[in-house]
Amino acid sequence: MGRGQVIQGMQRINHLRQILNKKNIDALLVTKGENIYYLSHFTGGSDARLLVDFQQCLLFTDARYLEQARAECPGWIIIEEKPPGQEQLAQACSGISRLGVESHHITYQFYRQLCELLSAELFPFDHIVEMLRVRKEDEELTCLQESARIGDEVFDHLLTIIQPGASEVSLANQITNLLREKGCSRESFDTIVLAGKHAALPHGHPRPESLCSGDMLTMDFGGFFRYYSGDMTRTVAVKEASQRLRDLYQRVLEAQQTALAAVKVGASCSKVDGAARDILRKAGLDQYFQHSTGHGLGLEVHEYPPVSQRSQAILQENMVITIEPGIYIPGWGGIRIEDAVVVKSNGCQVLTHSNKDLLIV
């Protein structure tokens, strides 16, 4: 780990300690893999636990990861204990009166075990570390830009191989392989490739059936680059496009571009969602828009803030979100267009640069 990462890690810990101090909490037990990485840079995922108090930072993991933890986490006290072991954890918590836990992540069984094992009073917290993660630092933005760039390269390659006779499954497999070849460690989620009437399923699974001329083809994919997720969606037409497809595509594109124009520091996520939804409502298509307009993007493919009708989140500088309105018409098909963007004071920086015109390939 470089000096810059060490400084970055301590800044994150200091921010966390400020929150704990305001909440009158002595320490926080961190069990979620993404939060463990964010605070410590330990890449062993949930095969670890962190205990952060006001004097020290402790990382508990088993013998397989000890050398890795020592290399990745300078400044942390490394304690050998394999989850679900708790003896060393209990000893470390012996002087703690008020312990915070990640209630959105731990099981009820583990919570009960902690209650029985520790003398500390437990205080459940929802997404305390996730809220530190919402505003991305420069290094994080660089990783997110790279994951988006890889997605664009994959899409460019797909345009050369989409043809009648290819299957959804074969294209999905190509996407997975291309993401890895170009530098991603793994998929952000199971790749979605849906053609024709099957595209009416927002999160359908690719099938072995062959694509036909005239099919719409929706592809939603992304990969993790240095632990940060990519996510993009494009819909194209195979060989030819009906007038109905052309017309409906323009309405979805208008909704997506209108929502993008609404993104800026201080805007409410519900207003951004409403901007897309209003366009589709005026076109009589709002009943076919079945999900939110977007979501936060970072160490997880879906994180805070939700860009939805009910969201109370306000956009802040350097949040990264997706903008992805879509319509899904049973018996006909579906269209979705998605970009990842960085929130800025005067608008947004779009990270995905693939063509959004209706491409006929």
Protein backbone atom coordinates (compact mmCIF):
# COMPACT_ATOMS: atom_id res chain seq x y z
CA MET A 1 0.00 0.00 0.00
CA GLY A 2 1.31 3.44 -0.91
CA ARG A 3 1.64 6.39 1.44
CA GLY A 4 -1.34 8.07 -0.25
CA GLN A 5 -3.59 5.12 0.54
CA VAL A 6 -2.44 5.09 4.17
CA ILE A 7 -3.30 8.78 4.53
CA GLN A 8 -6.60 8.21 2.76
CA GLY A 9 -7.44 5.34 5.10
CA MET A 10 -6.72 7.39 8.22
CA GLN A 11 -8.87 10.25 6.91
CA ARG A 12 -11.76 7.82 6.50
CA ILE A 13 -11.23 6.47 10.02
CA ASN A 14 -11.14 10.00 11.42
CA HIS A 15 -14.44 10.81 9.70
CA LEU A 16 -15.95 7.66 11.15
CA ARG A 17 -14.70 8.54 14.62
CA GLN A 18 -16.29 11.97 14.37
CA ILE A 19 -19.64 10.31 13.68
CA LEU A 20 -19.20 7.85 16.54
CA ASN A 21 -18.36 10.71 18.88
CA LYS A 22 -21.52 12.59 17.90
CA LYS A 23 -23.57 9.46 18.53
CA ASN A 24 -21.83 8.81 21.87
CA ILE A 25 -20.62 5.38 20.71
CA ASP A 26 -17.32 3.93 21.95
CA ALA A 27 -16.55 1.72 18.94
CA LEU A 28 -17.99 0.23 15.76
CA LEU A 29 -17.86 -3.41 14.69
CA VAL A 30 -17.69 -3.59 10.87
CA THR A 31 -18.63 -6.87 9.20
CA LYS A 32 -19.68 -5.98 5.64
CA GLY A 33 -16.98 -6.75 3.07
CA GLU A 34 -17.25 -3.50 1.10
CA ASN A 35 -17.06 -1.44 4.27
CA ILE A 36 -14.10 -3.46 5.51
CA TYR A 37 -12.29 -2.64 2.27
CA TYR A 38 -13.28 1.02 2.36
CA LEU A 39 -11.90 1.57 5.85
CA SER A 40 -8.86 -0.73 5.84
CA HIS A 41 -8.06 -1.63 2.18
CA PHE A 42 -8.19 -5.30 3.21
CA THR A 43 -9.26 -7.30 0.15
CA GLY A 44 -10.24 -10.51 1.94
CA GLY A 45 -13.89 -9.47 1.97
CA SER A 46 -16.14 -10.72 4.74
CA ASP A 47 -13.48 -13.17 5.99
CA ALA A 48 -12.65 -10.43 8.48
CA ARG A 49 -14.09 -8.08 11.05
CA LEU A 50 -13.00 -4.59 11.97
CA LEU A 51 -13.22 -2.99 15.38
CA VAL A 52 -12.67 0.76 15.34
CA ASP A 53 -12.54 2.76 18.55
CA PHE A 54 -10.94 6.09 19.42
CA GLN A 55 -7.49 4.69 20.16
CA GLN A 56 -6.90 1.85 17.73
CA CYS A 57 -8.07 -0.05 14.67
CA LEU A 58 -8.21 -3.83 14.89
CA LEU A 59 -8.65 -6.32 12.04
CA PHE A 60 -9.67 -9.90 12.88
CA THR A 61 -9.05 -12.56 10.25
CA ASP A 62 -7.84 -16.15 10.00
CA ALA A 63 -4.40 -17.58 9.26
CA ARG A 64 -4.96 -17.68 5.49
CA TYR A 65 -5.05 -13.89 5.33
CA LEU A 66 -2.54 -12.78 7.98
CA GLU A 67 0.31 -11.89 5.62
CA GLN A 68 -2.11 -10.30 3.19
CA ALA A 69 -3.64 -8.20 5.97
CA ARG A 70 -0.24 -7.06 7.22
CA ALA A 71 0.70 -5.94 3.72
CA GLU A 72 -2.59 -4.26 2.90
CA CYS A 73 -3.38 -2.70 6.27
CA PRO A 74 -0.34 -0.91 7.77
CA GLY A 75 -1.25 0.80 11.02
CA TRP A 76 -3.92 -1.76 11.85
CA ILE A 77 -3.57 -4.27 14.66
CA ILE A 78 -3.98 -7.70 13.05
CA ILE A 79 -5.51 -10.39 15.25
CA GLU A 80 -5.83 -14.01 14.17
CA GLU A 81 -9.39 -15.20 14.65
CA LYS A 82 -11.49 -16.97 12.06
CA PRO A 83 -15.13 -15.92 11.90
CA PRO A 84 -17.39 -17.08 13.51
CA GLY A 85 -14.85 -17.30 16.36
CA GLN A 86 -15.42 -14.59 18.95
CA GLU A 87 -13.01 -15.09 21.85
CA GLN A 88 -10.43 -12.56 20.65
CA LEU A 89 -13.20 -10.17 19.66
CA ALA A 90 -14.75 -10.42 23.11
CA GLN A 91 -11.41 -9.70 24.74
CA ALA A 92 -10.86 -6.66 22.54
CA CYS A 93 -14.33 -5.36 23.46
CA SER A 94 -13.85 -5.83 27.21
CA GLY A 95 -13.39 -2.12 27.88
CA ILE A 96 -16.18 -0.95 25.56
CA SER A 97 -19.50 0.15 27.03
CA ARG A 98 -21.39 1.19 23.88
CA LEU A 99 -20.69 -0.80 20.70
CA GLY A 100 -22.18 -0.01 17.31
CA VAL A 101 -22.98 -2.85 14.90
CA GLU A 102 -24.00 -2.93 11.23
CA SER A 103 -27.59 -3.99 11.78
CA HIS A 104 -28.36 -4.09 8.04
CA HIS A 105 -25.66 -6.72 7.55
CA ILE A 106 -25.33 -9.02 10.57
CA THR A 107 -27.69 -11.90 11.16
CA TYR A 108 -30.04 -12.04 14.10
CA GLN A 109 -28.16 -15.13 15.28
CA PHE A 110 -24.85 -13.23 15.36
CA TYR A 111 -26.52 -10.31 17.11
CA ARG A 112 -27.83 -12.64 19.81
CA GLN A 113 -24.38 -14.20 20.20
CA LEU A 114 -22.84 -10.77 20.68
CA CYS A 115 -25.46 -9.89 23.27
CA GLU A 116 -24.60 -13.02 25.24
CA LEU A 117 -20.83 -12.74 24.83
CA LEU A 118 -20.14 -9.04 25.35
CA SER A 119 -20.74 -6.83 28.34
CA ALA A 120 -21.10 -3.84 26.01
CA GLU A 121 -24.51 -2.44 25.14
CA LEU A 122 -25.14 -2.92 21.42
CA PHE A 123 -26.42 -0.11 19.23
CA PRO A 124 -27.65 -1.05 15.74
CA PHE A 125 -26.73 1.32 12.92
CA ASP A 126 -27.95 1.22 9.33
CA HIS A 127 -25.42 2.17 6.64
CA ILE A 128 -23.14 4.27 8.85
CA VAL A 129 -20.07 3.49 6.69
CA GLU A 130 -22.07 3.55 3.45
CA MET A 131 -22.94 7.18 4.13
CA LEU A 132 -19.21 7.97 4.29
CA ARG A 133 -18.83 6.31 0.90
CA VAL A 134 -21.37 8.42 -1.00
CA ARG A 135 -19.02 11.22 -2.05
CA LYS A 136 -16.28 9.66 -4.11
CA GLU A 137 -12.62 10.65 -3.72
CA ASP A 138 -10.37 11.27 -6.73
CA GLU A 139 -8.91 7.77 -6.69
CA GLU A 140 -12.39 6.25 -6.54
CA LEU A 141 -13.55 8.39 -9.46
CA THR A 142 -10.56 7.22 -11.49
CA CYS A 143 -11.55 3.60 -10.92
CA LEU A 144 -15.18 4.29 -11.81
CA GLN A 145 -14.11 6.10 -14.97
CA GLU A 146 -12.01 3.11 -15.94
CA SER A 147 -14.83 0.62 -15.31
CA ALA A 148 -17.06 2.79 -17.52
CA ARG A 149 -14.39 3.01 -20.23
CA ILE A 150 -14.09 -0.78 -20.26
CA GLY A 151 -17.87 -1.02 -20.63
CA ASP A 152 -17.72 1.28 -23.65
CA GLU A 153 -15.02 -0.87 -25.24
CA VAL A 154 -17.08 -4.00 -24.67
CA PHE A 155 -20.11 -2.37 -26.29
CA ASP A 156 -18.06 -1.31 -29.32
CA HIS A 157 -16.96 -4.91 -29.79
CA LEU A 158 -20.51 -6.21 -29.39
CA LEU A 159 -21.63 -4.06 -32.30
CA THR A 160 -19.34 -6.13 -34.56
CA ILE A 161 -20.75 -9.53 -33.54
CA ILE A 162 -24.50 -8.96 -33.07
CA GLN A 163 -26.37 -10.66 -35.90
CA PRO A 164 -29.39 -12.87 -36.54
CA GLY A 165 -28.65 -16.39 -35.34
CA ALA A 166 -26.56 -15.31 -32.35
CA SER A 167 -28.16 -16.14 -29.01
CA GLU A 168 -28.71 -14.08 -25.88
CA VAL A 169 -26.61 -16.59 -23.94
CA SER A 170 -23.68 -16.47 -26.36
CA LEU A 171 -23.64 -12.67 -26.29
CA ALA A 172 -23.83 -12.63 -22.49
CA ASN A 173 -20.88 -15.02 -22.35
CA GLN A 174 -18.95 -12.80 -24.75
CA ILE A 175 -19.61 -9.81 -22.50
CA THR A 176 -18.36 -11.66 -19.42
CA ASN A 177 -15.16 -12.71 -21.20
CA LEU A 178 -14.55 -9.26 -22.67
CA LEU A 179 -14.95 -7.54 -19.31
CA ARG A 180 -12.24 -9.75 -17.84
CA GLU A 181 -9.95 -9.50 -20.87
CA LYS A 182 -10.07 -5.72 -20.68
CA GLY A 183 -9.21 -5.50 -16.99
CA CYS A 184 -12.25 -6.17 -14.79
CA SER A 185 -11.92 -8.69 -11.98
CA ARG A 186 -15.51 -9.92 -12.30
CA GLU A 187 -19.00 -8.93 -13.42
CA SER A 188 -20.84 -6.31 -11.40
CA PHE A 189 -23.96 -8.49 -11.70
CA ASP A 190 -25.28 -11.26 -13.93
CA THR A 191 -25.17 -9.84 -17.44
CA ILE A 192 -28.57 -9.10 -18.96
CA VAL A 193 -29.03 -9.73 -22.69
CA LEU A 194 -32.67 -9.81 -23.83
CA ALA A 195 -34.10 -9.77 -27.34
CA GLY A 196 -37.52 -9.19 -28.87
CA LYS A 197 -40.51 -9.85 -26.61
CA HIS A 198 -38.13 -11.18 -23.95
CA ALA A 199 -36.83 -7.61 -23.48
CA ALA A 200 -40.10 -6.83 -21.66
CA LEU A 201 -38.48 -8.46 -18.59
CA PRO A 202 -36.30 -5.78 -16.92
CA HIS A 203 -34.06 -8.39 -15.25
CA GLY A 204 -34.71 -11.46 -17.38
CA HIS A 205 -32.13 -14.19 -17.90
CA PRO A 206 -30.46 -14.74 -21.29
CA ARG A 207 -31.87 -17.63 -23.31
CA PRO A 208 -30.33 -19.92 -25.94
CA GLU A 209 -32.85 -18.89 -28.61
CA SER A 210 -31.47 -17.16 -31.71
CA LEU A 211 -31.86 -13.45 -32.42
CA CYS A 212 -34.08 -12.55 -35.39
CA SER A 213 -33.97 -9.66 -37.80
CA GLY A 214 -36.09 -6.82 -36.43
CA ASP A 215 -35.52 -7.75 -32.77
CA MET A 216 -34.75 -5.07 -30.23
CA LEU A 217 -31.79 -6.15 -28.10
CA THR A 218 -31.22 -4.77 -24.60
CA MET A 219 -27.82 -5.31 -22.97
CA ASP A 220 -27.19 -4.33 -19.33
CA PHE A 221 -23.71 -5.12 -18.01
CA GLY A 222 -20.65 -3.92 -16.14
CA GLY A 223 -17.57 -5.10 -14.32
CA PHE A 224 -15.52 -4.30 -11.24
CA PHE A 225 -12.25 -2.46 -11.85
CA ARG A 226 -10.10 -2.31 -8.71
CA TYR A 227 -13.22 -3.01 -6.63
CA TYR A 228 -15.36 -0.28 -8.25
CA SER A 229 -18.37 -1.18 -10.33
CA GLY A 230 -19.40 -0.35 -13.85
CA ASP A 231 -23.04 -0.38 -15.03
CA MET A 232 -24.42 0.57 -18.43
CA THR A 233 -27.35 -0.36 -20.65
CA ARG A 234 -27.92 0.08 -24.37
CA THR A 235 -30.75 -1.10 -26.61
CA VAL A 236 -30.09 -1.68 -30.32
CA ALA A 237 -32.05 -3.07 -33.24
CA VAL A 238 -30.97 -6.22 -35.12
CA LYS A 239 -30.73 -5.49 -38.88
CA GLU A 240 -33.94 -3.42 -39.03
CA ALA A 241 -36.22 -1.40 -36.77
CA SER A 242 -39.98 -0.97 -36.98
CA GLN A 243 -41.46 2.51 -36.82
CA ARG A 244 -42.93 1.68 -33.42
CA LEU A 245 -39.50 0.77 -32.07
CA ARG A 246 -38.03 3.97 -33.50
CA ASP A 247 -40.76 6.12 -31.95
CA LEU A 248 -40.68 4.50 -28.53
CA TYR A 249 -36.90 4.56 -28.44
CA GLN A 250 -36.95 8.33 -28.96
CA ARG A 251 -39.34 8.75 -26.01
CA VAL A 252 -37.05 6.73 -23.70
CA LEU A 253 -34.00 8.61 -24.94
CA GLU A 254 -35.75 11.92 -24.29
CA ALA A 255 -36.63 10.76 -20.77
CA GLN A 256 -33.03 9.74 -20.11
CA GLN A 257 -31.59 12.98 -21.44
CA THR A 258 -34.12 15.05 -19.46
CA ALA A 259 -33.18 13.23 -16.26
CA LEU A 260 -29.48 13.78 -16.99
CA ALA A 261 -30.16 17.49 -17.38
CA ALA A 262 -31.78 17.55 -13.92
CA VAL A 263 -28.70 16.11 -12.18
CA LYS A 264 -26.66 18.65 -10.20
CA VAL A 265 -25.54 19.36 -6.66
CA GLY A 266 -28.55 20.20 -4.48
CA ALA A 267 -31.13 18.51 -6.70
CA SER A 268 -33.39 15.98 -5.04
CA CYS A 269 -33.24 12.42 -6.33
CA SER A 270 -37.04 12.37 -6.49
CA LYS A 271 -36.93 15.40 -8.81
CA VAL A 272 -34.45 13.66 -11.11
CA ASP A 273 -36.70 10.59 -11.15
CA GLY A 274 -39.70 12.80 -11.83
CA ALA A 275 -37.98 14.44 -14.80
CA ALA A 276 -37.73 11.09 -16.59
CA ARG A 277 -41.15 9.94 -15.45
CA ASP A 278 -42.88 13.12 -16.68
CA ILE A 279 -41.60 12.62 -20.22
CA LEU A 280 -42.90 9.06 -20.30
CA ARG A 281 -46.20 10.12 -18.72
CA LYS A 282 -46.77 12.73 -21.44
CA ALA A 283 -46.16 10.02 -24.05
CA GLY A 284 -48.64 7.68 -22.31
CA LEU A 285 -45.84 5.27 -21.37
CA ASP A 286 -45.46 5.79 -17.63
CA GLN A 287 -47.35 2.57 -16.80
CA TYR A 288 -44.56 0.66 -18.55
CA PHE A 289 -41.78 2.25 -16.43
CA GLN A 290 -41.48 -0.31 -13.64
CA HIS A 291 -38.40 0.72 -11.64
CA SER A 292 -36.56 3.75 -10.32
CA THR A 293 -34.59 6.06 -12.58
CA GLY A 294 -31.26 5.11 -11.05
CA HIS A 295 -29.07 4.31 -8.07
CA GLY A 296 -25.72 5.05 -6.51
CA LEU A 297 -22.64 3.30 -7.89
CA GLY A 298 -19.31 2.52 -6.24
CA LEU A 299 -17.96 -0.44 -4.28
CA GLU A 300 -21.42 -1.93 -4.84
CA VAL A 301 -23.41 -1.82 -8.02
CA HIS A 302 -26.47 -0.63 -6.07
CA GLU A 303 -25.72 1.76 -3.25
CA TYR A 304 -26.90 5.07 -1.80
CA PRO A 305 -28.53 7.24 -3.06
CA PRO A 306 -31.65 5.73 -4.64
CA VAL A 307 -32.87 7.85 -7.56
CA SER A 308 -36.56 7.12 -7.15
CA GLN A 309 -39.96 8.69 -6.61
CA ARG A 310 -39.80 8.17 -2.85
CA SER A 311 -36.14 9.00 -2.32
CA GLN A 312 -35.42 11.79 0.14
CA ALA A 313 -31.75 11.99 -0.88
CA ILE A 314 -30.20 15.24 -2.08
CA LEU A 315 -27.39 15.02 -4.62
CA GLN A 316 -23.94 16.02 -3.41
CA GLU A 317 -20.69 16.82 -5.19
CA ASN A 318 -18.94 13.69 -6.52
CA MET A 319 -21.74 11.28 -5.86
CA VAL A 320 -21.84 8.72 -8.68
CA ILE A 321 -25.27 7.59 -9.84
CA THR A 322 -26.88 5.87 -12.80
CA ILE A 323 -29.66 7.31 -14.95
CA GLU A 324 -31.59 4.45 -16.56
CA PRO A 325 -35.26 4.94 -17.44
CA GLY A 326 -36.89 2.15 -19.42
CA ILE A 327 -40.21 0.86 -20.69
CA TYR A 328 -41.36 -2.76 -20.70
CA ILE A 329 -44.44 -3.65 -22.73
CA PRO A 330 -45.73 -7.23 -22.29
CA GLY A 331 -46.00 -9.08 -25.58
CA TRP A 332 -43.88 -6.50 -27.41
CA GLY A 333 -40.52 -5.90 -25.71
CA GLY A 334 -38.56 -3.29 -23.80
CA ILE A 335 -36.10 -0.44 -24.09
CA ARG A 336 -33.62 0.82 -21.48
CA ILE A 337 -30.79 3.36 -21.76
CA GLU A 338 -28.35 3.77 -18.88
CA ASP A 339 -25.34 5.97 -18.14
CA ALA A 340 -23.17 6.34 -15.06
CA VAL A 341 -22.59 9.98 -14.09
CA VAL A 342 -20.67 12.04 -11.53
CA VAL A 343 -22.68 14.77 -9.81
CA LYS A 344 -21.17 18.25 -10.23
CA SER A 345 -22.22 21.73 -9.13
CA ASN A 346 -23.26 22.76 -12.65
CA GLY A 347 -24.66 19.43 -13.83
CA CYS A 348 -23.07 16.03 -14.26
CA GLN A 349 -20.10 14.37 -15.89
CA VAL A 350 -21.22 11.37 -17.93
CA LEU A 351 -18.80 8.47 -17.59
CA THR A 352 -20.28 6.19 -20.25
CA HIS A 353 -19.72 7.47 -23.76
CA SER A 354 -21.26 4.80 -26.00
CA ASN A 355 -23.61 6.05 -28.72
CA LYS A 356 -27.22 6.43 -27.55
CA ASP A 357 -28.84 6.86 -30.95
CA LEU A 358 -30.92 3.87 -32.02
CA LEU A 359 -28.25 1.77 -33.67
CA ILE A 360 -29.29 -0.79 -36.27
CA VAL A 361 -26.63 -3.48 -36.33
